Amino acid sequence: MTEVHPVILFYKYVAIPEPESLAMAQRALCVALGLKGRVLIATEGINGTLAGPRAAVEEYVAALRALEFFRDIEIKASAGDAQTFRKLIVKVRPEIVTLGAGPLVPDHGNHLSPEEWKRVLEEDPEVVVLDVRNRYESAAGKFANAVACDIEHFRELPDYVPQLEALKDRKVLMYCTGGIRCEKASALLRNKGFTNVFQLHGGIVTYQEQFGNAHWLGECFVFDERMTTRVDEAMVPIGRCAHTGRPTNRFVNCLHDPCHVLFLLAEETARENADTRLCPACLTGGLTSETADYKGSPARGGELGD
């Protein structure tokens, strides 16, 4: 039987005076405990997701909460295994989640608990649900009737906001995976004149712990080797192959390295036509598996599949 390695997801916006020193300490702690995953640290806080043996994860959480900065940090956990992450990355970054919208004070006062969120969904037919994740995340799963932002990366959201202009005077319920993106996205929208925006506290992860698939369709995209997680009870799959529309939850990167966009591709589709390993845009643009630029491609002088 495969040993379950808990996967923890955590973040906190808090002033970190010496992020480099904290990063060194975090790296040493994770190495000592045999944890893998990613921890990003900035002067504005910490953002991490790690996996490892249960005892090691519990020791890490205890050590993290022993620090004054993170005494009350929220930890979300799910089931993984030894292959959930390939390696450990601990880095100091300008932002713990990259938005690139200049100085923003994350919004904290407009959170709705999962219970409040569900109640508003059920009692207010005029509310707008806004998904501020990337387009491929929404393709795997989302709240029913959610408006999904057509962005490939979170840093594209500031330029996308004008397309949400019609929502300015509406009551908006915003969500993301664990909550970290919403706190900045909410502040961004508020600065752009949105006046009635609320965010799901703890994100999809916390909501599904309590309510499963109520008002939720499909699976939840995660940034590790699992790619998606799911609650099987009453699940309505929505993932569809980008080329054929077949049901699938299988994500791949576009074969063309300069593109490398992430998209859904059914195994049957890939078996039928090797060119479908290219995203729809690259395939429509005339590229093939013979002419695409990737390691081992005939276009580089190598053999297909090298």
Protein backbone atom coordinates (compact mmCIF):
# COMPACT_ATOMS: atom_id res chain seq x y z
CA MET A 1 0.00 0.00 0.00
CA THR A 2 1.30 3.45 -0.93
CA GLU A 3 2.04 5.58 2.13
CA VAL A 4 -0.08 8.71 2.31
CA HIS A 5 2.02 11.84 2.42
CA PRO A 6 -0.11 14.78 3.56
CA VAL A 7 0.05 17.79 1.26
CA ILE A 8 -0.20 21.09 3.13
CA LEU A 9 -1.12 24.44 1.63
CA PHE A 10 -0.56 27.64 3.56
CA TYR A 11 0.01 31.37 3.20
CA LYS A 12 -0.04 34.52 5.25
CA TYR A 13 0.36 38.16 4.34
CA VAL A 14 2.54 39.59 7.11
CA ALA A 15 5.56 41.91 7.12
CA ILE A 16 8.79 39.89 6.98
CA PRO A 17 11.78 42.14 7.80
CA GLU A 18 14.49 39.68 6.69
CA PRO A 19 13.06 37.34 4.03
CA GLU A 20 16.49 35.97 3.02
CA SER A 21 17.20 34.78 6.58
CA LEU A 22 13.75 33.19 6.85
CA ALA A 23 14.24 31.45 3.50
CA MET A 24 17.55 29.95 4.65
CA ALA A 25 15.93 28.67 7.83
CA GLN A 26 12.94 27.26 5.95
CA ARG A 27 15.16 25.48 3.46
CA ALA A 28 17.24 23.90 6.22
CA LEU A 29 14.11 22.79 8.10
CA CYS A 30 12.49 21.24 5.02
CA VAL A 31 15.70 19.41 4.05
CA ALA A 32 16.11 18.07 7.58
CA LEU A 33 12.53 16.77 7.57
CA GLY A 34 12.68 15.38 4.03
CA LEU A 35 9.87 17.58 2.74
CA LYS A 36 9.39 18.51 -0.91
CA GLY A 37 7.35 21.25 -2.51
CA ARG A 38 7.59 25.01 -2.81
CA VAL A 39 7.92 27.84 -0.30
CA LEU A 40 7.94 31.45 -1.51
CA ILE A 41 8.90 34.24 0.86
CA ALA A 42 8.76 38.01 0.40
CA THR A 43 8.65 41.08 2.58
CA GLU A 44 4.86 40.75 2.33
CA GLY A 45 4.61 37.19 3.72
CA ILE A 46 4.89 33.48 2.95
CA ASN A 47 3.21 31.12 0.48
CA GLY A 48 3.89 27.41 0.56
CA THR A 49 2.79 23.92 -0.36
CA LEU A 50 4.75 20.93 0.93
CA ALA A 51 4.41 17.17 1.19
CA GLY A 52 6.16 14.42 3.10
CA PRO A 53 5.67 11.70 5.71
CA ARG A 54 2.95 12.56 8.20
CA ALA A 55 5.25 12.89 11.21
CA ALA A 56 7.59 15.20 9.26
CA VAL A 57 4.71 17.38 8.09
CA GLU A 58 3.36 17.67 11.62
CA GLU A 59 6.81 18.64 12.91
CA TYR A 60 7.10 21.28 10.19
CA VAL A 61 3.72 22.80 11.04
CA ALA A 62 4.65 22.95 14.72
CA ALA A 63 7.97 24.66 13.90
CA LEU A 64 6.26 27.15 11.56
CA ARG A 65 3.66 28.10 14.15
CA ALA A 66 6.39 28.51 16.77
CA LEU A 67 7.52 31.59 14.83
CA GLU A 68 5.87 34.82 15.97
CA PHE A 69 4.99 35.77 12.37
CA PHE A 70 3.02 32.58 11.78
CA ARG A 71 1.54 31.68 15.17
CA ASP A 72 -2.00 31.80 13.75
CA ILE A 73 -1.30 30.66 10.17
CA GLU A 74 -4.02 28.48 8.63
CA ILE A 75 -2.95 25.11 7.24
CA LYS A 76 -5.02 23.25 4.64
CA ALA A 77 -4.26 19.56 4.14
CA SER A 78 -5.07 16.94 1.51
CA ALA A 79 -3.84 13.45 0.62
CA GLY A 80 -0.78 12.96 -1.57
CA ASP A 81 2.07 10.50 -1.91
CA ALA A 82 5.85 10.41 -2.29
CA GLN A 83 5.56 11.59 -5.91
CA THR A 84 3.40 14.66 -5.25
CA PHE A 85 6.46 16.92 -5.59
CA ARG A 86 9.70 16.11 -7.37
CA LYS A 87 11.93 18.49 -5.43
CA LEU A 88 12.13 21.26 -2.87
CA ILE A 89 12.13 24.92 -3.91
CA VAL A 90 12.53 27.73 -1.39
CA LYS A 91 12.86 31.20 -2.91
CA VAL A 92 12.70 34.86 -2.02
CA ARG A 93 10.43 36.74 -4.40
CA PRO A 94 9.13 40.32 -4.73
CA GLU A 95 5.59 38.95 -4.17
CA ILE A 96 4.34 35.69 -2.69
CA VAL A 97 1.88 35.51 -5.58
CA THR A 98 2.77 37.53 -8.65
CA LEU A 99 0.21 40.13 -9.68
CA GLY A 100 2.49 43.00 -10.70
CA ALA A 101 -0.07 45.70 -9.94
CA GLY A 102 2.15 47.81 -7.72
CA PRO A 103 1.70 48.28 -3.96
CA LEU A 104 -1.57 46.73 -2.82
CA VAL A 105 -2.74 46.10 0.72
CA PRO A 106 -4.46 42.69 0.57
CA ASP A 107 -8.15 42.74 1.52
CA HIS A 108 -8.97 40.96 4.78
CA GLY A 109 -12.31 42.43 5.81
CA ASN A 110 -14.56 41.00 3.11
CA HIS A 111 -14.20 37.26 3.70
CA LEU A 112 -17.19 34.96 3.71
CA SER A 113 -16.97 31.65 5.54
CA PRO A 114 -17.89 28.58 3.45
CA GLU A 115 -21.25 28.53 5.29
CA GLU A 116 -21.94 32.18 4.44
CA TRP A 117 -20.77 31.68 0.84
CA LYS A 118 -23.12 28.73 0.33
CA ARG A 119 -26.01 30.59 1.91
CA VAL A 120 -25.53 33.64 -0.35
CA LEU A 121 -25.34 31.39 -3.42
CA GLU A 122 -28.64 29.80 -2.48
CA GLU A 123 -30.48 32.94 -1.38
CA ASP A 124 -29.32 35.66 -3.77
CA PRO A 125 -30.04 34.88 -7.45
CA GLU A 126 -28.50 38.20 -8.55
CA VAL A 127 -25.04 37.52 -7.14
CA VAL A 128 -22.14 37.06 -9.59
CA VAL A 129 -19.56 34.35 -8.87
CA LEU A 130 -16.11 35.29 -10.16
CA ASP A 131 -13.26 32.81 -10.70
CA VAL A 132 -9.93 34.68 -10.62
CA ARG A 133 -7.81 31.60 -11.33
CA ASN A 134 -6.16 30.80 -14.65
CA ARG A 135 -8.27 29.59 -17.56
CA TYR A 136 -6.97 26.01 -17.44
CA GLU A 137 -7.92 25.76 -13.75
CA SER A 138 -11.48 26.79 -14.53
CA ALA A 139 -11.57 24.26 -17.38
CA ALA A 140 -11.05 21.46 -14.85
CA GLY A 141 -13.62 22.66 -12.34
CA LYS A 142 -15.49 25.71 -11.08
CA PHE A 143 -18.53 26.87 -9.17
CA ALA A 144 -21.75 26.59 -11.15
CA ASN A 145 -22.40 29.62 -13.38
CA ALA A 146 -19.11 31.25 -12.39
CA VAL A 147 -17.59 33.94 -14.60
CA ALA A 148 -14.12 32.61 -15.40
CA CYS A 149 -11.34 35.10 -16.18
CA ASP A 150 -9.73 34.38 -19.55
CA ILE A 151 -6.13 34.62 -18.32
CA GLU A 152 -3.17 32.27 -18.59
CA HIS A 153 -1.36 33.70 -15.54
CA PHE A 154 -2.55 35.63 -12.47
CA ARG A 155 -0.28 38.54 -13.44
CA GLU A 156 -2.55 39.09 -16.47
CA LEU A 157 -5.51 39.98 -14.24
CA PRO A 158 -4.82 43.75 -14.04
CA ASP A 159 -5.07 44.02 -17.83
CA TYR A 160 -8.19 41.82 -17.83
CA VAL A 161 -10.14 43.89 -15.28
CA PRO A 162 -11.65 46.25 -17.93
CA GLN A 163 -13.49 43.21 -19.32
CA LEU A 164 -15.22 42.87 -15.95
CA GLU A 165 -16.54 46.45 -16.07
CA ALA A 166 -20.16 45.28 -16.22
CA LEU A 167 -19.78 43.74 -12.76
CA LYS A 168 -18.77 46.98 -11.01
CA ASP A 169 -22.18 47.60 -9.47
CA ARG A 170 -23.03 43.94 -8.87
CA LYS A 171 -22.49 41.87 -5.75
CA VAL A 172 -19.45 39.75 -6.59
CA LEU A 173 -18.40 36.54 -4.85
CA MET A 174 -14.75 35.90 -5.75
CA TYR A 175 -12.86 32.64 -5.23
CA CYS A 176 -9.55 30.90 -5.90
CA THR A 177 -7.92 27.65 -4.75
CA GLY A 178 -6.78 28.52 -1.24
CA GLY A 179 -7.49 32.23 -0.85
CA ILE A 180 -4.12 33.85 -1.50
CA ARG A 181 -4.93 35.23 -4.95
CA CYS A 182 -8.31 36.56 -3.85
CA GLU A 183 -6.85 38.85 -1.21
CA LYS A 184 -4.85 40.70 -3.86
CA ALA A 185 -7.47 40.41 -6.59
CA SER A 186 -10.08 41.88 -4.25
CA ALA A 187 -7.81 44.83 -3.45
CA LEU A 188 -7.17 45.32 -7.16
CA LEU A 189 -10.88 45.40 -8.01
CA ARG A 190 -11.60 47.74 -5.12
CA ASN A 191 -8.94 50.12 -6.45
CA LYS A 192 -10.65 49.95 -9.85
CA GLY A 193 -14.01 51.04 -8.47
CA PHE A 194 -15.70 47.73 -7.56
CA THR A 195 -17.62 48.35 -4.35
CA ASN A 196 -19.39 45.09 -3.44
CA VAL A 197 -16.81 42.30 -3.63
CA PHE A 198 -16.56 39.37 -1.22
CA GLN A 199 -14.08 36.49 -1.15
CA LEU A 200 -14.38 32.84 -0.11
CA HIS A 201 -12.33 32.36 3.05
CA GLY A 202 -9.94 29.44 2.59
CA GLY A 203 -10.86 29.09 -1.06
CA ILE A 204 -12.13 25.99 -2.83
CA VAL A 205 -10.10 23.69 -0.59
CA THR A 206 -11.80 24.78 2.62
CA TYR A 207 -15.25 24.94 1.01
CA GLN A 208 -15.01 21.36 -0.28
CA GLU A 209 -13.87 20.09 3.11
CA GLN A 210 -17.26 21.17 4.44
CA PHE A 211 -19.65 20.98 1.50
CA GLY A 212 -18.05 18.73 -1.09
CA ASN A 213 -19.54 19.31 -4.53
CA ALA A 214 -22.50 21.45 -3.48
CA HIS A 215 -22.66 24.14 -6.22
CA TRP A 216 -19.28 22.88 -7.52
CA LEU A 217 -18.66 21.25 -10.91
CA GLY A 218 -15.65 19.11 -11.83
CA GLU A 219 -12.27 18.85 -10.11
CA CYS A 220 -9.91 21.28 -8.42
CA PHE A 221 -6.63 22.05 -10.20
CA VAL A 222 -3.53 21.96 -7.99
CA PHE A 223 0.04 22.98 -8.77
CA ASP A 224 1.79 19.66 -8.16
CA GLU A 225 2.16 16.27 -9.81
CA ARG A 226 -1.45 15.34 -8.98
CA MET A 227 -2.70 18.13 -11.29
CA THR A 228 -6.27 17.84 -9.94
CA THR A 229 -8.02 16.69 -6.78
CA ARG A 230 -11.63 15.63 -6.54
CA VAL A 231 -14.52 14.89 -4.24
CA ASP A 232 -16.15 11.86 -5.81
CA GLU A 233 -19.56 12.06 -4.11
CA ALA A 234 -22.06 13.75 -6.43
CA MET A 235 -19.28 14.98 -8.72
CA VAL A 236 -20.27 16.43 -12.10
CA PRO A 237 -17.20 16.16 -14.40
CA ILE A 238 -16.70 19.15 -16.69
CA GLY A 239 -13.15 18.70 -18.00
CA ARG A 240 -13.16 18.39 -21.81
CA CYS A 241 -10.40 17.68 -24.30
CA ALA A 242 -9.41 20.95 -25.98
CA HIS A 243 -9.36 19.27 -29.41
CA THR A 244 -12.25 16.79 -29.38
CA GLY A 245 -14.45 17.68 -26.41
CA ARG A 246 -14.05 14.23 -24.90
CA PRO A 247 -14.39 14.05 -21.10
CA THR A 248 -10.93 14.12 -19.48
CA ASN A 249 -9.00 15.46 -16.52
CA ARG A 250 -5.60 14.94 -18.18
CA PHE A 251 -3.49 18.08 -18.49
CA VAL A 252 -0.47 18.38 -20.80
CA ASN A 253 1.83 21.19 -21.88
CA CYS A 254 1.84 22.21 -25.51
CA LEU A 255 4.51 20.27 -27.39
CA HIS A 256 5.89 23.50 -28.85
CA ASP A 257 8.33 24.70 -26.18
CA PRO A 258 8.04 28.44 -26.94
CA CYS A 259 4.31 28.08 -26.23
CA HIS A 260 4.18 25.34 -23.55
CA VAL A 261 0.63 26.36 -22.59
CA LEU A 262 -1.23 23.92 -20.32
CA PHE A 263 -4.40 22.36 -21.74
CA LEU A 264 -6.68 19.34 -21.42
CA LEU A 265 -5.95 16.46 -23.81
CA ALA A 266 -7.74 13.10 -23.77
CA GLU A 267 -5.47 10.05 -24.06
CA GLU A 268 -7.58 8.69 -26.92
CA THR A 269 -7.16 11.95 -28.84
CA ALA A 270 -3.38 11.88 -28.45
CA ARG A 271 -3.23 8.25 -29.59
CA GLU A 272 -5.29 9.00 -32.68
CA ASN A 273 -3.24 12.02 -33.77
CA ALA A 274 0.22 12.94 -32.43
CA ASP A 275 -0.27 16.53 -33.61
CA THR A 276 -2.90 17.05 -30.90
CA ARG A 277 -0.03 17.27 -28.40
CA LEU A 278 0.06 20.85 -29.68
CA CYS A 279 -2.43 23.27 -28.15
CA PRO A 280 -5.33 24.36 -30.41
CA ALA A 281 -3.71 27.74 -31.14
CA CYS A 282 -0.42 26.20 -32.29
CA LEU A 283 -2.18 23.50 -34.29
CA THR A 284 -4.43 26.07 -35.97
CA GLY A 285 -1.32 28.15 -36.66
CA GLY A 286 0.06 25.37 -38.84
CA LEU A 287 2.54 23.64 -36.52
CA THR A 288 2.77 19.84 -36.47
CA SER A 289 4.66 17.35 -34.31
CA GLU A 290 7.26 17.35 -37.10
CA THR A 291 7.75 21.12 -37.20
CA ALA A 292 7.22 22.07 -33.56
CA ASP A 293 10.23 23.16 -31.50
CA TYR A 294 10.80 20.71 -28.64
CA LYS A 295 13.60 18.49 -27.39
CA GLY A 296 14.18 15.70 -29.86
CA SER A 297 11.95 17.14 -32.57
CA PRO A 298 12.83 16.59 -36.27
CA ALA A 299 12.92 20.40 -36.56
CA ARG A 300 15.97 20.35 -34.27
CA GLY A 301 17.57 17.53 -36.16
CA GLY A 302 16.79 14.89 -33.55
CA GLU A 303 14.41 11.94 -33.62
CA LEU A 304 10.81 12.16 -32.54
CA GLY A 305 10.52 11.12 -28.92
CA ASP A 306 14.21 11.54 -27.99
